[in-house]
N, C-alpha and C. Protein backbone atom coordinates (compact mmCIF):
# COMPACT_ATOMS: atom_id res chain seq x y z
N ASP A 1 22.74 -24.19 -26.15
CA ASP A 1 22.25 -22.83 -26.25
C ASP A 1 20.78 -22.76 -25.84
N ILE A 2 19.98 -23.75 -26.24
CA ILE A 2 18.56 -23.80 -25.86
C ILE A 2 18.42 -24.00 -24.36
N GLN A 3 19.30 -24.79 -23.78
CA GLN A 3 19.25 -25.02 -22.33
C GLN A 3 19.51 -23.73 -21.56
N VAL A 4 20.42 -22.92 -22.04
CA VAL A 4 20.71 -21.64 -21.38
C VAL A 4 19.50 -20.73 -21.45
N VAL A 5 18.89 -20.65 -22.61
CA VAL A 5 17.70 -19.81 -22.78
C VAL A 5 16.56 -20.33 -21.91
N THR A 6 16.38 -21.65 -21.87
CA THR A 6 15.33 -22.25 -21.05
C THR A 6 15.58 -21.96 -19.57
N GLN A 7 16.82 -22.08 -19.15
CA GLN A 7 17.16 -21.80 -17.75
C GLN A 7 16.91 -20.33 -17.42
N ARG A 8 17.30 -19.45 -18.32
CA ARG A 8 17.08 -18.02 -18.10
C ARG A 8 15.58 -17.70 -18.03
N LYS A 9 14.80 -18.35 -18.89
CA LYS A 9 13.35 -18.16 -18.88
C LYS A 9 12.76 -18.59 -17.54
N LEU A 10 13.21 -19.72 -17.02
CA LEU A 10 12.73 -20.19 -15.72
C LEU A 10 13.09 -19.21 -14.60
N GLU A 11 14.29 -18.66 -14.66
CA GLU A 11 14.72 -17.69 -13.65
C GLU A 11 13.86 -16.43 -13.71
N VAL A 12 13.60 -15.95 -14.91
CA VAL A 12 12.77 -14.74 -15.08
C VAL A 12 11.35 -15.01 -14.59
N GLU A 13 10.79 -16.16 -14.92
CA GLU A 13 9.44 -16.51 -14.46
C GLU A 13 9.39 -16.60 -12.94
N HIS A 14 10.43 -17.18 -12.35
CA HIS A 14 10.49 -17.28 -10.89
C HIS A 14 10.56 -15.88 -10.27
N ASN A 15 11.41 -15.02 -10.83
CA ASN A 15 11.53 -13.66 -10.32
C ASN A 15 10.21 -12.89 -10.45
N LEU A 16 9.51 -13.11 -11.54
CA LEU A 16 8.21 -12.47 -11.73
C LEU A 16 7.22 -12.94 -10.66
N ARG A 17 7.13 -14.24 -10.44
CA ARG A 17 6.21 -14.77 -9.42
C ARG A 17 6.58 -14.25 -8.03
N THR A 18 7.86 -14.19 -7.74
CA THR A 18 8.30 -13.67 -6.45
C THR A 18 7.91 -12.20 -6.29
N SER A 19 8.13 -11.43 -7.34
CA SER A 19 7.77 -10.02 -7.32
C SER A 19 6.27 -9.83 -7.16
N GLN A 20 5.48 -10.61 -7.87
CA GLN A 20 4.02 -10.52 -7.75
C GLN A 20 3.56 -10.88 -6.34
N PHE A 21 4.17 -11.89 -5.74
CA PHE A 21 3.83 -12.28 -4.38
C PHE A 21 4.15 -11.13 -3.41
N ARG A 22 5.33 -10.56 -3.55
CA ARG A 22 5.73 -9.46 -2.66
C ARG A 22 4.82 -8.25 -2.83
N GLU A 23 4.45 -7.95 -4.07
CA GLU A 23 3.54 -6.84 -4.32
C GLU A 23 2.19 -7.09 -3.66
N ASN A 24 1.68 -8.31 -3.80
CA ASN A 24 0.41 -8.65 -3.19
C ASN A 24 0.47 -8.53 -1.67
N GLU A 25 1.54 -9.05 -1.07
CA GLU A 25 1.68 -8.97 0.38
C GLU A 25 1.79 -7.52 0.85
N ALA A 26 2.52 -6.69 0.11
CA ALA A 26 2.65 -5.28 0.46
C ALA A 26 1.31 -4.57 0.36
N THR A 27 0.54 -4.89 -0.68
CA THR A 27 -0.77 -4.28 -0.85
C THR A 27 -1.70 -4.67 0.29
N VAL A 28 -1.69 -5.93 0.68
CA VAL A 28 -2.52 -6.38 1.80
C VAL A 28 -2.11 -5.65 3.08
N PHE A 29 -0.80 -5.55 3.32
CA PHE A 29 -0.33 -4.84 4.51
C PHE A 29 -0.78 -3.38 4.51
N LEU A 30 -0.59 -2.71 3.37
CA LEU A 30 -0.96 -1.30 3.30
C LEU A 30 -2.46 -1.10 3.50
N ARG A 31 -3.25 -1.99 2.97
CA ARG A 31 -4.70 -1.90 3.16
C ARG A 31 -5.06 -2.11 4.63
N GLN A 32 -4.42 -3.04 5.31
CA GLN A 32 -4.69 -3.26 6.73
C GLN A 32 -4.22 -2.07 7.56
N PHE A 33 -3.05 -1.54 7.22
CA PHE A 33 -2.54 -0.37 7.92
C PHE A 33 -3.48 0.81 7.74
N ARG A 34 -3.93 0.99 6.49
CA ARG A 34 -4.86 2.07 6.18
C ARG A 34 -6.13 1.95 7.01
N ARG A 35 -6.69 0.76 7.09
CA ARG A 35 -7.91 0.53 7.88
C ARG A 35 -7.66 0.81 9.36
N PHE A 36 -6.53 0.33 9.88
CA PHE A 36 -6.17 0.57 11.29
C PHE A 36 -6.04 2.06 11.56
N TYR A 37 -5.31 2.75 10.71
CA TYR A 37 -5.05 4.16 10.94
C TYR A 37 -6.32 4.98 10.84
N ARG A 38 -7.19 4.68 9.87
CA ARG A 38 -8.46 5.40 9.73
C ARG A 38 -9.32 5.22 10.98
N ARG A 39 -9.39 4.00 11.46
CA ARG A 39 -10.20 3.74 12.66
C ARG A 39 -9.60 4.40 13.90
N LEU A 40 -8.28 4.43 13.96
CA LEU A 40 -7.61 5.12 15.06
C LEU A 40 -8.00 6.59 15.06
N LEU A 41 -7.95 7.22 13.91
CA LEU A 41 -8.33 8.64 13.82
C LEU A 41 -9.80 8.85 14.13
N GLN A 42 -10.67 7.95 13.64
CA GLN A 42 -12.10 8.09 13.90
C GLN A 42 -12.40 7.94 15.39
N ASN A 43 -11.77 6.97 16.02
CA ASN A 43 -11.99 6.78 17.46
C ASN A 43 -11.51 7.98 18.25
N LYS A 44 -10.38 8.52 17.86
CA LYS A 44 -9.85 9.68 18.57
C LYS A 44 -10.76 10.89 18.35
N ALA A 45 -11.26 11.05 17.13
CA ALA A 45 -12.17 12.16 16.86
C ALA A 45 -13.46 12.02 17.66
N ALA A 46 -13.94 10.79 17.84
CA ALA A 46 -15.17 10.55 18.60
C ALA A 46 -14.98 10.90 20.08
N GLN A 47 -13.77 10.75 20.56
CA GLN A 47 -13.49 11.08 21.96
C GLN A 47 -13.42 12.59 22.18
N GLY A 48 -13.16 13.32 21.11
CA GLY A 48 -13.24 14.77 21.21
C GLY A 48 -11.93 15.51 21.30
N ASN A 49 -11.01 15.09 22.13
CA ASN A 49 -9.76 15.85 22.23
C ASN A 49 -8.58 14.91 22.35
N GLY A 50 -7.40 15.45 22.28
CA GLY A 50 -6.19 14.64 22.28
C GLY A 50 -5.66 14.51 20.87
N ASP A 51 -4.62 13.71 20.70
CA ASP A 51 -4.08 13.52 19.37
C ASP A 51 -3.60 12.08 19.20
N THR A 52 -3.20 11.77 18.00
CA THR A 52 -2.79 10.41 17.66
C THR A 52 -1.58 9.98 18.48
N ASN A 53 -0.67 10.90 18.72
CA ASN A 53 0.53 10.55 19.49
C ASN A 53 0.18 10.03 20.88
N GLU A 54 -0.87 10.57 21.45
CA GLU A 54 -1.31 10.13 22.78
C GLU A 54 -1.64 8.63 22.79
N ILE A 55 -2.26 8.17 21.71
CA ILE A 55 -2.62 6.75 21.61
C ILE A 55 -1.40 5.91 21.29
N THR A 56 -0.64 6.33 20.29
CA THR A 56 0.49 5.50 19.84
C THR A 56 1.59 5.39 20.88
N GLN A 57 1.70 6.36 21.77
CA GLN A 57 2.71 6.28 22.82
C GLN A 57 2.41 5.14 23.79
N LYS A 58 1.17 4.74 23.88
CA LYS A 58 0.77 3.66 24.78
C LYS A 58 1.00 2.28 24.19
N VAL A 59 1.30 2.22 22.88
CA VAL A 59 1.50 0.94 22.20
C VAL A 59 2.99 0.78 21.90
N PRO A 60 3.62 -0.25 22.47
CA PRO A 60 5.06 -0.42 22.24
C PRO A 60 5.40 -0.72 20.79
N GLY A 61 6.46 -0.09 20.29
CA GLY A 61 6.95 -0.37 18.96
C GLY A 61 6.25 0.34 17.83
N VAL A 62 5.30 1.23 18.12
CA VAL A 62 4.57 1.93 17.06
C VAL A 62 5.37 3.16 16.63
N PRO A 63 5.62 3.32 15.33
CA PRO A 63 6.36 4.50 14.86
C PRO A 63 5.50 5.76 14.92
N ASP A 64 6.12 6.90 14.73
CA ASP A 64 5.41 8.17 14.70
C ASP A 64 4.53 8.22 13.46
N LEU A 65 3.22 8.36 13.65
CA LEU A 65 2.26 8.36 12.54
C LEU A 65 1.73 9.76 12.24
N GLN A 66 2.31 10.76 12.86
CA GLN A 66 1.77 12.11 12.77
C GLN A 66 1.66 12.62 11.33
N GLY A 67 2.60 12.28 10.46
CA GLY A 67 2.57 12.80 9.10
C GLY A 67 1.78 11.96 8.12
N LEU A 68 0.99 11.01 8.58
CA LEU A 68 0.29 10.09 7.69
C LEU A 68 -1.22 10.30 7.64
N ILE A 69 -1.66 11.50 7.89
CA ILE A 69 -3.09 11.75 7.97
C ILE A 69 -3.79 11.45 6.66
N ASP A 70 -3.15 11.69 5.53
CA ASP A 70 -3.80 11.45 4.25
C ASP A 70 -3.14 10.29 3.51
N VAL A 71 -3.19 9.12 4.11
CA VAL A 71 -2.61 7.91 3.53
C VAL A 71 -3.30 7.57 2.22
N ASP A 72 -4.61 7.81 2.14
CA ASP A 72 -5.38 7.48 0.95
C ASP A 72 -4.83 8.16 -0.31
N THR A 73 -4.45 9.42 -0.19
CA THR A 73 -3.94 10.15 -1.35
C THR A 73 -2.67 9.49 -1.88
N LEU A 74 -1.78 9.13 -0.99
CA LEU A 74 -0.54 8.46 -1.39
C LEU A 74 -0.84 7.12 -2.07
N LEU A 75 -1.72 6.34 -1.49
CA LEU A 75 -2.05 5.03 -2.06
C LEU A 75 -2.77 5.17 -3.40
N LEU A 76 -3.61 6.19 -3.54
CA LEU A 76 -4.30 6.43 -4.81
C LEU A 76 -3.29 6.84 -5.88
N GLU A 77 -2.39 7.76 -5.55
CA GLU A 77 -1.39 8.20 -6.51
C GLU A 77 -0.47 7.07 -6.94
N SER A 78 -0.24 6.12 -6.04
CA SER A 78 0.62 4.99 -6.34
C SER A 78 -0.11 3.87 -7.07
N GLY A 79 -1.43 4.00 -7.22
CA GLY A 79 -2.21 2.98 -7.91
C GLY A 79 -2.53 1.78 -7.04
N LEU A 80 -2.39 1.91 -5.72
CA LEU A 80 -2.66 0.78 -4.83
C LEU A 80 -4.10 0.71 -4.37
N ILE A 81 -4.84 1.80 -4.51
CA ILE A 81 -6.27 1.77 -4.27
C ILE A 81 -6.96 2.49 -5.43
N GLU A 82 -8.22 2.21 -5.60
CA GLU A 82 -9.01 2.84 -6.66
C GLU A 82 -9.68 4.09 -6.10
N GLU A 83 -10.05 5.00 -6.97
CA GLU A 83 -10.66 6.25 -6.53
C GLU A 83 -11.94 6.02 -5.73
N GLU A 84 -12.73 5.01 -6.12
CA GLU A 84 -13.98 4.75 -5.40
C GLU A 84 -13.74 4.21 -3.98
N GLU A 85 -12.51 3.82 -3.68
CA GLU A 85 -12.20 3.32 -2.35
C GLU A 85 -11.79 4.42 -1.38
N LEU A 86 -11.60 5.63 -1.88
CA LEU A 86 -11.24 6.73 -0.99
C LEU A 86 -12.30 6.88 0.09
N GLN A 87 -11.86 7.12 1.30
CA GLN A 87 -12.75 7.33 2.45
C GLN A 87 -13.59 6.10 2.77
N ASP A 88 -13.17 4.92 2.34
CA ASP A 88 -13.92 3.69 2.60
C ASP A 88 -12.97 2.63 3.11
N ASP A 89 -13.23 2.09 4.27
CA ASP A 89 -12.35 1.03 4.79
C ASP A 89 -13.09 -0.30 4.91
N LYS A 90 -14.20 -0.43 4.22
CA LYS A 90 -15.01 -1.65 4.33
C LYS A 90 -14.76 -2.64 3.20
N SER A 91 -13.93 -2.29 2.24
CA SER A 91 -13.69 -3.15 1.09
C SER A 91 -13.01 -4.44 1.53
N GLN A 92 -13.63 -5.58 1.21
CA GLN A 92 -13.09 -6.89 1.57
C GLN A 92 -12.66 -7.68 0.34
N ALA A 93 -12.91 -7.14 -0.85
CA ALA A 93 -12.64 -7.87 -2.07
C ALA A 93 -11.15 -8.03 -2.31
N THR A 94 -10.80 -9.05 -3.06
CA THR A 94 -9.42 -9.24 -3.48
C THR A 94 -9.05 -8.08 -4.38
N TYR A 95 -7.88 -7.55 -4.18
CA TYR A 95 -7.47 -6.39 -4.96
C TYR A 95 -7.07 -6.79 -6.37
N ARG A 96 -7.77 -6.25 -7.34
CA ARG A 96 -7.45 -6.43 -8.75
C ARG A 96 -7.38 -5.03 -9.34
N PRO A 97 -6.19 -4.52 -9.63
CA PRO A 97 -6.08 -3.15 -10.09
C PRO A 97 -6.67 -2.93 -11.47
N SER A 98 -7.28 -1.78 -11.65
CA SER A 98 -7.80 -1.40 -12.96
C SER A 98 -6.63 -0.94 -13.83
N SER A 99 -6.89 -0.75 -15.11
CA SER A 99 -5.82 -0.28 -15.99
C SER A 99 -5.38 1.12 -15.58
N ALA A 100 -6.31 1.95 -15.10
CA ALA A 100 -5.95 3.29 -14.63
C ALA A 100 -5.02 3.21 -13.42
N ALA A 101 -5.31 2.28 -12.50
CA ALA A 101 -4.46 2.12 -11.33
C ALA A 101 -3.06 1.61 -11.73
N LEU A 102 -3.02 0.71 -12.70
CA LEU A 102 -1.73 0.21 -13.17
C LEU A 102 -0.91 1.33 -13.81
N MET A 103 -1.57 2.20 -14.54
CA MET A 103 -0.87 3.33 -15.15
C MET A 103 -0.32 4.28 -14.09
N LYS A 104 -1.12 4.52 -13.04
CA LYS A 104 -0.66 5.37 -11.94
C LYS A 104 0.53 4.73 -11.24
N SER A 105 0.46 3.44 -11.03
CA SER A 105 1.54 2.71 -10.38
C SER A 105 2.82 2.79 -11.20
N THR A 106 2.70 2.62 -12.51
CA THR A 106 3.85 2.71 -13.40
C THR A 106 4.44 4.10 -13.37
N ALA A 107 3.59 5.12 -13.42
CA ALA A 107 4.07 6.50 -13.39
C ALA A 107 4.77 6.81 -12.07
N ALA A 108 4.20 6.32 -10.96
CA ALA A 108 4.81 6.54 -9.65
C ALA A 108 6.16 5.84 -9.55
N ALA A 109 6.27 4.64 -10.10
CA ALA A 109 7.54 3.91 -10.08
C ALA A 109 8.60 4.63 -10.90
N LYS A 110 8.22 5.14 -12.07
CA LYS A 110 9.16 5.89 -12.91
C LYS A 110 9.62 7.16 -12.22
N LYS A 111 8.69 7.85 -11.56
CA LYS A 111 9.02 9.08 -10.85
C LYS A 111 9.99 8.78 -9.70
N ALA A 112 9.72 7.71 -8.96
CA ALA A 112 10.60 7.34 -7.85
C ALA A 112 11.99 6.95 -8.35
N ALA A 113 12.05 6.27 -9.50
CA ALA A 113 13.34 5.88 -10.05
C ALA A 113 14.15 7.10 -10.47
N LYS A 114 13.49 8.12 -11.00
CA LYS A 114 14.19 9.35 -11.39
C LYS A 114 14.71 10.10 -10.18
N GLU A 115 13.93 10.06 -9.08
CA GLU A 115 14.31 10.79 -7.86
C GLU A 115 15.42 10.07 -7.09
N ALA A 116 15.58 8.77 -7.34
CA ALA A 116 16.59 7.99 -6.61
C ALA A 116 17.99 8.24 -7.10
């Protein structure tokens, strides 16, 4: 009986580590995407005219980004970025969420689960 509980504990710990790794990788990706997209918009704005589709059509395999103008709001609501990071793409620090960000993330996950 103890062996079964010990085995189950190891499985749960492994699943937790795997989930934490995936969350970290997703956060890193979203932060890089956010930085790329912000700079894309800034460069296009500096040129004066045209739109994002004009740029992305020249890059093979890029999805339609037209509806992602306010990526920061989505990431803030999901608890993936902190409020002080809004409008800032220079943050290089390792991401360590605050308790407020964790609460937002939990609320967003519960909301998504209800909508599914």
